[in-house]
C-alpha atoms as a PDB file:
ATOM      1  CA  MET A   1      81.401 134.846 101.290  1.00  0.00           C
ATOM      2  CA  ALA A   2      81.803 132.575  98.163  1.00  0.00           C
ATOM      3  CA  LEU A   3      84.774 131.106  97.009  1.00  0.00           C
ATOM      4  CA  ARG A   4      87.237 133.449  95.085  1.00  0.00           C
ATOM      5  CA  PRO A   5      87.743 133.037  91.382  1.00  0.00           C
ATOM      6  CA  GLU A   6      91.410 131.952  92.122  1.00  0.00           C
ATOM      7  CA  ASP A   7      89.989 129.058  94.161  1.00  0.00           C
ATOM      8  CA  ARG A   8      89.629 126.006  91.888  1.00  0.00           C
ATOM      9  CA  ILE A   9      87.702 122.979  92.846  1.00  0.00           C
ATOM     10  CA  GLY A  10      87.757 119.306  91.661  1.00  0.00           C
ATOM     11  CA  LEU A  11      84.499 117.694  92.597  1.00  0.00           C
ATOM     12  CA  CYS A  12      84.541 113.931  93.465  1.00  0.00           C
ATOM     13  CA  PRO A  13      83.753 111.420  90.921  1.00  0.00           C
ATOM     14  CA  GLY A  14      80.810 109.282  91.288  1.00  0.00           C
ATOM     15  CA  THR A  15      76.998 109.367  91.134  1.00  0.00           C
ATOM     16  CA  TRP A  16      75.242 112.727  90.380  1.00  0.00           C
ATOM     17  CA  LEU A  17      74.147 112.812  93.900  1.00  0.00           C
ATOM     18  CA  ALA A  18      77.687 112.634  95.206  1.00  0.00           C
ATOM     19  CA  ARG A  19      78.747 115.389  92.839  1.00  0.00           C
ATOM     20  CA  ALA A  20      75.669 117.564  93.902  1.00  0.00           C
ATOM     21  CA  ASN A  21      76.639 116.940  97.605  1.00  0.00           C
ATOM     22  CA  SER A  22      80.229 117.878  97.084  1.00  0.00           C
ATOM     23  CA  ALA A  23      79.297 120.995  95.420  1.00  0.00           C
ATOM     24  CA  LEU A  24      76.731 121.981  98.203  1.00  0.00           C
ATOM     25  CA  TYR A  25      79.431 121.286 100.785  1.00  0.00           C
ATOM     26  CA  THR A  26      82.163 123.218  99.107  1.00  0.00           C
ATOM     27  CA  THR A  27      79.681 126.182  98.829  1.00  0.00           C
ATOM     28  CA  ALA A  28      78.531 125.956 102.464  1.00  0.00           C
ATOM     29  CA  SER A  29      82.032 125.394 103.923  1.00  0.00           C
ATOM     30  CA  SER A  30      83.656 128.290 102.151  1.00  0.00           C
ATOM     31  CA  TYR A  31      81.670 130.442 104.672  1.00  0.00           C
ATOM     32  CA  LEU A  32      83.337 128.608 107.473  1.00  0.00           C
ATOM     33  CA  HIS A  33      86.736 128.776 105.742  1.00  0.00           C
ATOM     34  CA  PHE A  34      86.469 132.643 105.696  1.00  0.00           C
ATOM     35  CA  LEU A  35      85.137 132.972 108.993  1.00  0.00           C
ATOM     36  CA  PRO A  36      87.372 133.870 112.100  1.00  0.00           C
ATOM     37  CA  ASN A  37      88.329 130.720 113.931  1.00  0.00           C
ATOM     38  CA  PHE A  38      86.063 129.735 116.796  1.00  0.00           C
ATOM     39  CA  ARG A  39      85.402 126.770 118.942  1.00  0.00           C
ATOM     40  CA  GLY A  40      83.529 123.996 117.055  1.00  0.00           C
ATOM     41  CA  LYS A  41      84.318 125.324 113.589  1.00  0.00           C
ATOM     42  CA  ARG A  42      85.949 121.938 112.582  1.00  0.00           C
ATOM     43  CA  ARG A  43      83.312 120.059 114.298  1.00  0.00           C
ATOM     44  CA  ALA A  44      80.582 121.880 112.290  1.00  0.00           C
ATOM     45  CA  GLY A  45      82.298 121.316 108.918  1.00  0.00           C
ATOM     46  CA  PHE A  46      82.845 117.707 109.615  1.00  0.00           C
ATOM     47  CA  ALA A  47      79.471 117.208 110.650  1.00  0.00           C
ATOM     48  CA  LEU A  48      78.046 118.677 107.436  1.00  0.00           C
ATOM     49  CA  TYR A  49      80.529 116.520 105.415  1.00  0.00           C
ATOM     50  CA  ARG A  50      79.374 113.202 107.114  1.00  0.00           C
ATOM     51  CA  ALA A  51      75.684 114.337 106.753  1.00  0.00           C
ATOM     52  CA  LEU A  52      76.118 114.662 102.903  1.00  0.00           C
ATOM     53  CA  GLY A  53      77.772 111.347 102.779  1.00  0.00           C
ATOM     54  CA  LEU A  54      81.123 112.392 101.440  1.00  0.00           C
ATOM     55  CA  GLN A  55      83.287 110.425 103.661  1.00  0.00           C
ATOM     56  CA  ARG A  56      84.416 108.037 100.918  1.00  0.00           C
ATOM     57  CA  HIS A  57      84.906 110.577  98.241  1.00  0.00           C
ATOM     58  CA  HIS A  58      87.648 113.126  97.277  1.00  0.00           C
ATOM     59  CA  ILE A  59      87.049 116.729  97.022  1.00  0.00           C
ATOM     60  CA  VAL A  60      90.121 118.441  95.970  1.00  0.00           C
ATOM     61  CA  ILE A  61      90.312 122.258  96.340  1.00  0.00           C
ATOM     62  CA  GLU A  62      93.200 124.744  95.662  1.00  0.00           C
ATOM     63  CA  THR A  63      92.814 127.616  97.655  1.00  0.00           C
ATOM     64  CA  THR A  64      94.728 130.431  99.790  1.00  0.00           C
ATOM     65  CA  LEU A  65      95.355 129.777 103.453  1.00  0.00           C
ATOM     66  CA  ARG A  66      95.874 132.847 105.744  1.00  0.00           C
ATOM     67  CA  HIS A  67      97.512 131.583 108.949  1.00  0.00           C
ATOM     68  CA  PRO A  68     100.296 132.532 109.903  1.00  0.00           C
ATOM     69  CA  VAL A  69     100.997 133.932 106.593  1.00  0.00           C
ATOM     70  CA  SER A  70      99.130 133.737 103.089  1.00  0.00           C
ATOM     71  CA  TYR A  71     100.142 130.835 100.921  1.00  0.00           C
ATOM     72  CA  ARG A  72      98.483 128.719  98.339  1.00  0.00           C
ATOM     73  CA  MET A  73      97.693 125.004  98.751  1.00  0.00           C
ATOM     74  CA  ARG A  74      95.855 122.039  96.924  1.00  0.00           C
ATOM     75  CA  LEU A  75      93.953 120.158  99.629  1.00  0.00           C
ATOM     76  CA  ASP A  76      92.162 116.871  99.525  1.00  0.00           C
ATOM     77  CA  LEU A  77      89.185 116.946 102.085  1.00  0.00           C
ATOM     78  CA  HIS A  78      89.205 113.438 102.253  1.00  0.00           C
ATOM     79  CA  SER A  79      92.259 113.833 104.603  1.00  0.00           C
ATOM     80  CA  MET A  80      91.330 114.915 108.136  1.00  0.00           C
ATOM     81  CA  LEU A  81      94.701 116.855 108.299  1.00  0.00           C
ATOM     82  CA  GLU A  82      93.996 118.973 105.009  1.00  0.00           C
ATOM     83  CA  HIS A  83      90.331 119.193 105.745  1.00  0.00           C
ATOM     84  CA  THR A  84      91.192 120.783 109.132  1.00  0.00           C
ATOM     85  CA  ALA A  85      93.730 123.107 107.409  1.00  0.00           C
ATOM     86  CA  TYR A  86      90.966 124.209 105.035  1.00  0.00           C
ATOM     87  CA  LEU A  87      88.441 125.024 107.686  1.00  0.00           C
ATOM     88  CA  TYR A  88      90.895 126.711 109.859  1.00  0.00           C
ATOM     89  CA  SER A  89      92.797 128.491 106.927  1.00  0.00           C
ATOM     90  CA  GLY A  90      95.894 127.027 108.168  1.00  0.00           C
ATOM     91  CA  TYR A  91      97.472 124.218 110.027  1.00  0.00           C
ATOM     92  CA  GLU A  92      99.373 124.377 113.276  1.00  0.00           C
ATOM     93  CA  HIS A  93     100.362 127.850 112.622  1.00  0.00           C
ATOM     94  CA  GLU A  94     101.839 128.400 116.106  1.00  0.00           C
ATOM     95  CA  THR A  95     104.145 125.556 115.379  1.00  0.00           C
ATOM     96  CA  VAL A  96     105.242 127.390 112.222  1.00  0.00           C
ATOM     97  CA  MET A  97     105.830 130.529 114.113  1.00  0.00           C
ATOM     98  CA  PHE A  98     107.956 128.713 116.924  1.00  0.00           C
ATOM     99  CA  LEU A  99     109.972 127.048 114.194  1.00  0.00           C
ATOM    100  CA  ALA A 100     110.563 130.343 112.462  1.00  0.00           C
ATOM    101  CA  ARG A 101     111.632 132.043 115.628  1.00  0.00           C
ATOM    102  CA  CYS A 102     114.331 129.099 116.438  1.00  0.00           C
ATOM    103  CA  TYR A 103     115.718 129.217 112.956  1.00  0.00           C
ATOM    104  CA  LYS A 104     118.712 131.517 112.658  1.00  0.00           C
ATOM    105  CA  GLY A 105     119.822 130.871 108.920  1.00  0.00           C
ATOM    106  CA  SER A 106     123.306 129.071 109.680  1.00  0.00           C
ATOM    107  CA  GLY A 107     122.052 125.940 107.975  1.00  0.00           C
ATOM    108  CA  TYR A 108     118.944 124.395 106.434  1.00  0.00           C
ATOM    109  CA  PHE A 109     115.506 123.372 107.853  1.00  0.00           C
ATOM    110  CA  LEU A 110     114.802 119.796 107.685  1.00  0.00           C
ATOM    111  CA  ASP A 111     111.014 118.587 107.709  1.00  0.00           C
ATOM    112  CA  ILE A 112     110.733 114.872 108.312  1.00  0.00           C
ATOM    113  CA  GLY A 113     107.314 113.742 107.583  1.00  0.00           C
ATOM    114  CA  ALA A 114     106.577 116.757 105.508  1.00  0.00           C
ATOM    115  CA  ASN A 115     103.201 115.318 104.111  1.00  0.00           C
ATOM    116  CA  ILE A 116     101.926 117.983 101.609  1.00  0.00           C
ATOM    117  CA  GLY A 117     104.016 121.021 102.929  1.00  0.00           C
ATOM    118  CA  LEU A 118     101.589 122.516 105.383  1.00  0.00           C
ATOM    119  CA  ILE A 119     104.468 123.381 107.804  1.00  0.00           C
ATOM    120  CA  THR A 120     107.589 124.050 105.426  1.00  0.00           C
ATOM    121  CA  ILE A 121     105.791 126.211 103.034  1.00  0.00           C
ATOM    122  CA  PRO A 122     104.488 128.906 105.482  1.00  0.00           C
ATOM    123  CA  PHE A 123     107.738 128.484 107.576  1.00  0.00           C
ATOM    124  CA  VAL A 124     109.852 129.429 104.480  1.00  0.00           C
ATOM    125  CA  LYS A 125     107.589 132.311 103.822  1.00  0.00           C
ATOM    126  CA  ILE A 126     107.255 133.599 107.145  1.00  0.00           C
ATOM    127  CA  SER A 127     111.025 133.215 107.716  1.00  0.00           C
ATOM    128  CA  SER A 128     111.891 135.207 104.636  1.00  0.00           C
ATOM    129  CA  ILE A 129     109.569 137.926 105.817  1.00  0.00           C
ATOM    130  CA  GLU A 130     111.331 138.212 109.295  1.00  0.00           C
ATOM    131  CA  THR A 131     115.087 137.599 108.149  1.00  0.00           C
ATOM    132  CA  GLY A 132     114.909 139.138 104.739  1.00  0.00           C
ATOM    133  CA  THR A 133     116.318 135.982 103.133  1.00  0.00           C
ATOM    134  CA  LYS A 134     114.570 132.699 102.366  1.00  0.00           C
ATOM    135  CA  PRO A 135     115.905 129.766 104.380  1.00  0.00           C
ATOM    136  CA  VAL A 136     116.806 126.602 102.376  1.00  0.00           C
ATOM    137  CA  ALA A 137     114.434 123.688 103.521  1.00  0.00           C
ATOM    138  CA  LEU A 138     114.390 119.981 102.739  1.00  0.00           C
ATOM    139  CA  CYS A 139     111.297 117.958 102.946  1.00  0.00           C
ATOM    140  CA  VAL A 140     111.304 114.167 103.503  1.00  0.00           C
ATOM    141  CA  GLU A 141     108.098 112.405 102.964  1.00  0.00           C
ATOM    142  CA  ALA A 142     107.497 108.693 102.425  1.00  0.00           C
ATOM    143  CA  ILE A 143     104.237 108.427 100.570  1.00  0.00           C
ATOM    144  CA  ARG A 144     104.450 109.136  96.833  1.00  0.00           C
ATOM    145  CA  SER A 145     100.908 110.710  96.784  1.00  0.00           C
ATOM    146  CA  ASN A 146     101.960 113.111  99.458  1.00  0.00           C
ATOM    147  CA  CYS A 147     105.234 114.034  97.704  1.00  0.00           C
ATOM    148  CA  ASN A 148     103.274 114.757  94.343  1.00  0.00           C
ATOM    149  CA  ALA A 149     101.068 117.116  96.131  1.00  0.00           C
ATOM    150  CA  LEU A 150     103.949 118.513  98.045  1.00  0.00           C
ATOM    151  CA  ARG A 151     105.787 119.193  94.662  1.00  0.00           C
ATOM    152  CA  HIS A 152     102.503 120.891  93.397  1.00  0.00           C
ATOM    153  CA  ASN A 153     102.295 123.048  96.493  1.00  0.00           C
ATOM    154  CA  VAL A 154     105.834 124.117  96.296  1.00  0.00           C
ATOM    155  CA  ARG A 155     105.627 125.115  92.574  1.00  0.00           C
ATOM    156  CA  ILE A 156     102.398 127.211  92.998  1.00  0.00           C
ATOM    157  CA  ASN A 157     104.051 129.214  95.692  1.00  0.00           C
ATOM    158  CA  ASN A 158     107.152 129.714  93.639  1.00  0.00           C
ATOM    159  CA  LEU A 159     109.513 128.080  95.987  1.00  0.00           C
ATOM    160  CA  ASP A 160     111.095 125.461  93.563  1.00  0.00           C
ATOM    161  CA  SER A 161     114.475 126.981  94.379  1.00  0.00           C
ATOM    162  CA  ASP A 162     113.942 127.108  98.134  1.00  0.00           C
ATOM    163  CA  ILE A 163     112.668 123.780  98.839  1.00  0.00           C
ATOM    164  CA  ASP A 164     114.070 120.496  97.974  1.00  0.00           C
ATOM    165  CA  ILE A 165     111.948 117.363  98.291  1.00  0.00           C
ATOM    166  CA  LEU A 166     113.197 113.783  98.986  1.00  0.00           C
ATOM    167  CA  CYS A 167     110.506 110.980  98.700  1.00  0.00           C
ATOM    168  CA  CYS A 168     111.579 108.254 100.967  1.00  0.00           C
ATOM    169  CA  GLY A 169     110.925 106.772 104.382  1.00  0.00           C
ATOM    170  CA  LEU A 170     113.412 107.033 107.370  1.00  0.00           C
ATOM    171  CA  GLY A 171     114.179 104.677 110.228  1.00  0.00           C
ATOM    172  CA  ASP A 172     117.092 103.317 112.331  1.00  0.00           C
ATOM    173  CA  HIS A 173     117.923 100.648 109.681  1.00  0.00           C
ATOM    174  CA  HIS A 174     117.935 100.255 105.802  1.00  0.00           C
ATOM    175  CA  ARG A 175     115.186  97.620 105.323  1.00  0.00           C
ATOM    176  CA  ASP A 176     111.699  96.815 104.288  1.00  0.00           C
ATOM    177  CA  VAL A 177     108.450  97.867 106.115  1.00  0.00           C
ATOM    178  CA  GLU A 178     104.813  98.540 105.729  1.00  0.00           C
ATOM    179  CA  ILE A 179     102.952 101.697 106.110  1.00  0.00           C
ATOM    180  CA  GLN A 180      99.409 102.662 106.477  1.00  0.00           C
ATOM    181  CA  VAL A 181      97.911 105.799 104.826  1.00  0.00           C
ATOM    182  CA  GLU A 182      94.902 107.850 106.702  1.00  0.00           C
ATOM    183  CA  GLY A 183      91.558 106.552 105.386  1.00  0.00           C
ATOM    184  CA  ASN A 184      93.046 102.968 104.737  1.00  0.00           C
ATOM    185  CA  LEU A 185      93.820 104.107 101.290  1.00  0.00           C
ATOM    186  CA  LYS A 186      95.779 101.942  98.788  1.00  0.00           C
ATOM    187  CA  GLU A 187      99.014 103.262  97.107  1.00  0.00           C
ATOM    188  CA  GLY A 188      98.195 106.035  94.797  1.00  0.00           C
ATOM    189  CA  GLU A 189      94.567 106.581  96.069  1.00  0.00           C
ATOM    190  CA  GLY A 190      95.186 109.890  97.721  1.00  0.00           C
ATOM    191  CA  THR A 191      96.983 111.909 100.187  1.00  0.00           C
ATOM    192  CA  GLY A 192      96.883 111.674 104.032  1.00  0.00           C
ATOM    193  CA  THR A 193      98.870 111.262 107.086  1.00  0.00           C
ATOM    194  CA  ALA A 194     100.444 107.892 107.477  1.00  0.00           C
ATOM    195  CA  ASN A 195     102.351 105.572 110.017  1.00  0.00           C
ATOM    196  CA  ILE A 196     104.853 102.622 109.716  1.00  0.00           C
ATOM    197  CA  LEU A 197     103.421  99.645 111.056  1.00  0.00           C
ATOM    198  CA  ALA A 198     105.341  97.655 113.795  1.00  0.00           C
ATOM    199  CA  ASP A 199     106.807  94.519 112.886  1.00  0.00           C
ATOM    200  CA  GLN A 200     104.488  92.419 115.150  1.00  0.00           C
ATOM    201  CA  SER A 201     101.412  94.523 114.177  1.00  0.00           C
ATOM    202  CA  VAL A 202      98.523  92.339 113.292  1.00  0.00           C
ATOM    203  CA  HIS A 203      96.118  95.420 112.812  1.00  0.00           C
ATOM    204  CA  PRO A 204      93.664  94.947 109.931  1.00  0.00           C
ATOM    205  CA  CYS A 205      94.248  97.588 107.339  1.00  0.00           C
ATOM    206  CA  GLU A 206      95.669  98.309 103.877  1.00  0.00           C
ATOM    207  CA  ARG A 207      99.471  97.895 104.105  1.00  0.00           C
ATOM    208  CA  ILE A 208     101.651  99.560 101.618  1.00  0.00           C
ATOM    209  CA  PRO A 209     105.162  98.143 101.138  1.00  0.00           C
ATOM    210  CA  LEU A 210     107.993 100.700 101.804  1.00  0.00           C
ATOM    211  CA  GLN A 211     111.747 100.588 101.879  1.00  0.00           C
ATOM    212  CA  ILE A 212     113.183 102.867 104.531  1.00  0.00           C
ATOM    213  CA  THR A 213     116.701 104.239 104.843  1.00  0.00           C
ATOM    214  CA  THR A 214     118.582 106.289 107.444  1.00  0.00           C
ATOM    215  CA  ILE A 215     119.956 109.850 107.692  1.00  0.00           C
ATOM    216  CA  ASN A 216     123.421 108.497 108.063  1.00  0.00           C
ATOM    217  CA  ARG A 217     123.163 106.696 104.764  1.00  0.00           C
ATOM    218  CA  LEU A 218     121.724 109.633 102.951  1.00  0.00           C
ATOM    219  CA  ILE A 219     124.466 111.898 104.252  1.00  0.00           C
ATOM    220  CA  ALA A 220     127.136 109.410 103.295  1.00  0.00           C
ATOM    221  CA  SER A 221     125.838 109.102  99.954  1.00  0.00           C
ATOM    222  CA  GLY A 222     125.522 112.813  99.557  1.00  0.00           C
ATOM    223  CA  SER A 223     121.840 112.840  99.098  1.00  0.00           C
ATOM    224  CA  ILE A 224     121.377 115.339 101.894  1.00  0.00           C
ATOM    225  CA  PRO A 225     123.740 117.998 103.025  1.00  0.00           C
ATOM    226  CA  ARG A 226     125.415 117.726 106.735  1.00  0.00           C
ATOM    227  CA  ASN A 227     124.713 121.507 107.712  1.00  0.00           C
ATOM    228  CA  CYS A 228     121.318 121.029 109.335  1.00  0.00           C
ATOM    229  CA  GLU A 229     120.324 123.703 111.837  1.00  0.00           C
ATOM    230  CA  LEU A 230     116.729 122.865 112.681  1.00  0.00           C
ATOM    231  CA  VAL A 231     114.646 119.660 112.355  1.00  0.00           C
ATOM    232  CA  LYS A 232     110.941 119.284 112.556  1.00  0.00           C
ATOM    233  CA  ILE A 233     109.941 115.636 112.773  1.00  0.00           C
ATOM    234  CA  ASP A 234     106.370 114.116 112.736  1.00  0.00           C
ATOM    235  CA  VAL A 235     106.307 110.479 111.715  1.00  0.00           C
ATOM    236  CA  ASP A 236     103.700 108.991 113.974  1.00  0.00           C
ATOM    237  CA  GLY A 237     105.554 106.748 116.215  1.00  0.00           C
ATOM    238  CA  TYR A 238     108.687 106.064 114.333  1.00  0.00           C
ATOM    239  CA  ASP A 239     110.326 109.393 115.545  1.00  0.00           C
ATOM    240  CA  LEU A 240     113.106 107.963 117.818  1.00  0.00           C
ATOM    241  CA  LYS A 241     113.812 105.207 115.005  1.00  0.00           C
ATOM    242  CA  VAL A 242     114.385 108.118 112.795  1.00  0.00           C
ATOM    243  CA  LEU A 243     116.874 109.775 115.292  1.00  0.00           C
ATOM    244  CA  GLN A 244     118.688 106.453 116.008  1.00  0.00           C
ATOM    245  CA  GLY A 245     119.533 106.333 112.094  1.00  0.00           C
ATOM    246  CA  GLY A 246     120.790 109.984 112.178  1.00  0.00           C
ATOM    247  CA  THR A 247     123.702 109.925 114.671  1.00  0.00           C
ATOM    248  CA  VAL A 248     125.973 111.940 112.056  1.00  0.00           C
ATOM    249  CA  PHE A 249     123.701 114.860 112.890  1.00  0.00           C
ATOM    250  CA  PHE A 250     124.222 114.671 116.640  1.00  0.00           C
ATOM    251  CA  GLU A 251     127.879 114.140 116.250  1.00  0.00           C
ATOM    252  CA  GLY A 252     128.297 116.953 113.519  1.00  0.00           C
ATOM    253  CA  SER A 253     125.843 119.921 112.671  1.00  0.00           C
ATOM    254  CA  ARG A 254     123.848 119.243 116.058  1.00  0.00           C
ATOM    255  CA  PRO A 255     120.627 120.792 114.928  1.00  0.00           C
ATOM    256  CA  ILE A 256     117.817 121.603 117.307  1.00  0.00           C
ATOM    257  CA  VAL A 257     115.143 119.052 116.975  1.00  0.00           C
ATOM    258  CA  PHE A 258     111.244 119.821 117.509  1.00  0.00           C
ATOM    259  CA  GLY A 259     108.593 117.020 117.322  1.00  0.00           C
ATOM    260  CA  GLU A 260     105.560 115.513 118.612  1.00  0.00           C
ATOM    261  CA  PHE A 261     107.038 112.221 120.032  1.00  0.00           C
ATOM    262  CA  SER A 262     103.504 111.067 121.102  1.00  0.00           C
ATOM    263  CA  ARG A 263     103.626 108.601 123.910  1.00  0.00           C
ATOM    264  CA  ARG A 264     100.746 106.579 122.457  1.00  0.00           C
ATOM    265  CA  CYS A 265     102.413 106.386 118.776  1.00  0.00           C
ATOM    266  CA  LEU A 266     106.027 105.736 120.231  1.00  0.00           C
ATOM    267  CA  GLY A 267     104.239 102.747 122.153  1.00  0.00           C
ATOM    268  CA  TRP A 268     103.273 101.049 118.963  1.00  0.00           C
ATOM    269  CA  HIS A 269     107.079 100.496 118.550  1.00  0.00           C
ATOM    270  CA  ASP A 270     107.739  99.787 122.302  1.00  0.00           C
ATOM    271  CA  GLN A 271     109.471 103.242 122.824  1.00  0.00           C
ATOM    272  CA  THR A 272     108.479 106.051 124.988  1.00  0.00           C
ATOM    273  CA  PRO A 273     109.316 109.888 125.272  1.00  0.00           C
ATOM    274  CA  GLU A 274     111.664 108.975 127.926  1.00  0.00           C
ATOM    275  CA  ASP A 275     113.604 106.533 125.620  1.00  0.00           C
ATOM    276  CA  VAL A 276     114.050 109.711 123.386  1.00  0.00           C
ATOM    277  CA  ALA A 277     115.660 111.663 126.134  1.00  0.00           C
ATOM    278  CA  GLU A 278     118.016 108.777 127.059  1.00  0.00           C
ATOM    279  CA  PHE A 279     119.164 108.320 123.539  1.00  0.00           C
ATOM    280  CA  VAL A 280     120.036 111.900 122.867  1.00  0.00           C
ATOM    281  CA  ARG A 281     121.736 112.607 126.185  1.00  0.00           C
ATOM    282  CA  ALA A 282     124.318 110.304 125.260  1.00  0.00           C
ATOM    283  CA  TYR A 283     125.115 112.903 122.445  1.00  0.00           C
ATOM    284  CA  GLY A 284     125.100 115.994 124.787  1.00  0.00           C
ATOM    285  CA  TYR A 285     121.573 117.006 124.220  1.00  0.00           C
ATOM    286  CA  ASP A 286     119.098 118.264 126.759  1.00  0.00           C
ATOM    287  CA  THR A 287     115.249 117.309 126.597  1.00  0.00           C
ATOM    288  CA  TRP A 288     112.543 119.799 127.152  1.00  0.00           C
ATOM    289  CA  VAL A 289     108.794 119.131 127.159  1.00  0.00           C
ATOM    290  CA  ARG A 290     106.197 121.912 125.992  1.00  0.00           C
ATOM    291  CA  ASP A 291     103.688 123.153 128.321  1.00  0.00           C
ATOM    292  CA  GLN A 292     100.456 122.183 126.435  1.00  0.00           C
ATOM    293  CA  ASN A 293      99.076 125.706 127.540  1.00  0.00           C
ATOM    294  CA  SER A 294     101.895 127.625 126.035  1.00  0.00           C
ATOM    295  CA  TRP A 295     105.037 127.640 123.999  1.00  0.00           C
ATOM    296  CA  ASN A 296     107.210 127.217 126.981  1.00  0.00           C
ATOM    297  CA  PHE A 297     109.286 124.419 127.623  1.00  0.00           C
ATOM    298  CA  VAL A 298     110.385 122.766 130.980  1.00  0.00           C
ATOM    299  CA  PRO A 299     113.149 120.035 131.506  1.00  0.00           C
ATOM    300  CA  ILE A 300     111.721 116.593 131.143  1.00  0.00           C
ATOM    301  CA  ARG A 301     112.915 115.612 134.702  1.00  0.00           C
ATOM    302  CA  ARG A 302     110.080 117.951 135.931  1.00  0.00           C
ATOM    303  CA  VAL A 303     107.348 116.105 133.996  1.00  0.00           C
ATOM    304  CA  PRO A 304     105.712 112.970 135.817  1.00  0.00           C
ATOM    305  CA  ARG A 305     104.351 111.675 132.506  1.00  0.00           C
ATOM    306  CA  VAL A 306     105.253 113.031 129.142  1.00  0.00           C
ATOM    307  CA  ASN A 307     102.473 112.804 126.454  1.00  0.00           C
ATOM    308  CA  ALA A 308     103.863 114.633 123.484  1.00  0.00           C
ATOM    309  CA  ASP A 309     105.818 117.601 122.022  1.00  0.00           C
ATOM    310  CA  LEU A 310     109.644 117.474 122.802  1.00  0.00           C
ATOM    311  CA  LEU A 311     112.461 120.123 121.952  1.00  0.00           C
ATOM    312  CA  LEU A 312     115.795 118.513 121.834  1.00  0.00           C
ATOM    313  CA  ILE A 313     118.489 121.061 122.250  1.00  0.00           C
ATOM    314  CA  PRO A 314     122.410 120.700 122.119  1.00  0.00           C
ATOM    315  CA  GLU A 315     123.849 121.613 125.525  1.00  0.00           C
ATOM    316  CA  GLU A 316     125.921 124.421 123.948  1.00  0.00           C
ATOM    317  CA  CYS A 317     122.712 126.045 122.441  1.00  0.00           C
ATOM    318  CA  VAL A 318     120.560 126.047 125.564  1.00  0.00           C
ATOM    319  CA  ALA A 319     121.242 129.712 126.326  1.00  0.00           C
ATOM    320  CA  ASP A 320     120.153 130.882 122.951  1.00  0.00           C
ATOM    321  CA  LEU A 321     116.621 129.541 123.650  1.00  0.00           C
ATOM    322  CA  ASN A 322     116.237 130.914 126.916  1.00  0.00           C
ATOM    323  CA  TRP A 323     113.110 133.157 125.405  1.00  0.00           C
ATOM    324  CA  CYS A 324     111.180 129.615 125.550  1.00  0.00           C
ATOM    325  CA  LEU A 325     112.682 127.508 128.412  1.00  0.00           C
ATOM    326  CA  ARG A 326     111.520 127.666 132.152  1.00  0.00           C
ATOM    327  CA  ASP A 327     113.660 125.552 134.461  1.00  0.00           C
END
């Protein structure tokens, strides 16, 4: 199956060979894109991409992703995350479906580390199908290139009135830091996942200066509303620091929080998933850990070593999530 007429491709600049190889890859990978997902699908796509010598180039494609709901996206295949979304015709669709089930519509959905919208856009679409009304969502993203792509993706899905975008970094204090973008890109070179570097880091990479602020400061200034119901956070190791700067939420609207909270990434900042649990416990929150083979969660006390995926629930809301909790 070839790419459809509505799919638009921007071939990478460079030599005639690079352009020819990018055209060849886009044609070949379109078959993978439309095939049902299977084990090794991503590996096959990436192997061909490397074989054609395209790792340093940018192939930008605007296409329709199908999981868990149909939505349009502009993707830069230089980014591993976006490339994976293209090959699988969606990104973490089970996460989207889980978040949509958690959402009841009493407040807004906050996506911290929203990237280019691969979670929020299908979340809004699937939630509107299930509830009959579109939820209000706020995306926070630190990388300007990602924010620009996010705005484009929101626009082509006609969701401008449903999704607000705030381009800034969040942490535990208002201060200057440095951030690295996937692929070691310089500022403005393209989209990708990113991580704030630890203060003591000497890792050799392209460092982009970034001023971060806190949720507390943004709420105090009126930049974001207080009535948050559900938070998804994925900021590659800075997750706990973001929560430490958002205590107004825990004391006020008390949203449910789902995040990766990777032990490896938290370790870059000398923090652990257990530190997350200890911090939120002081605000009357219980910490639950996802069973990696399902979307059931168990109390953190029952897991000898937590690696990732925490669900932080206000004590008064635990009963409402019994459908996914296993004590």
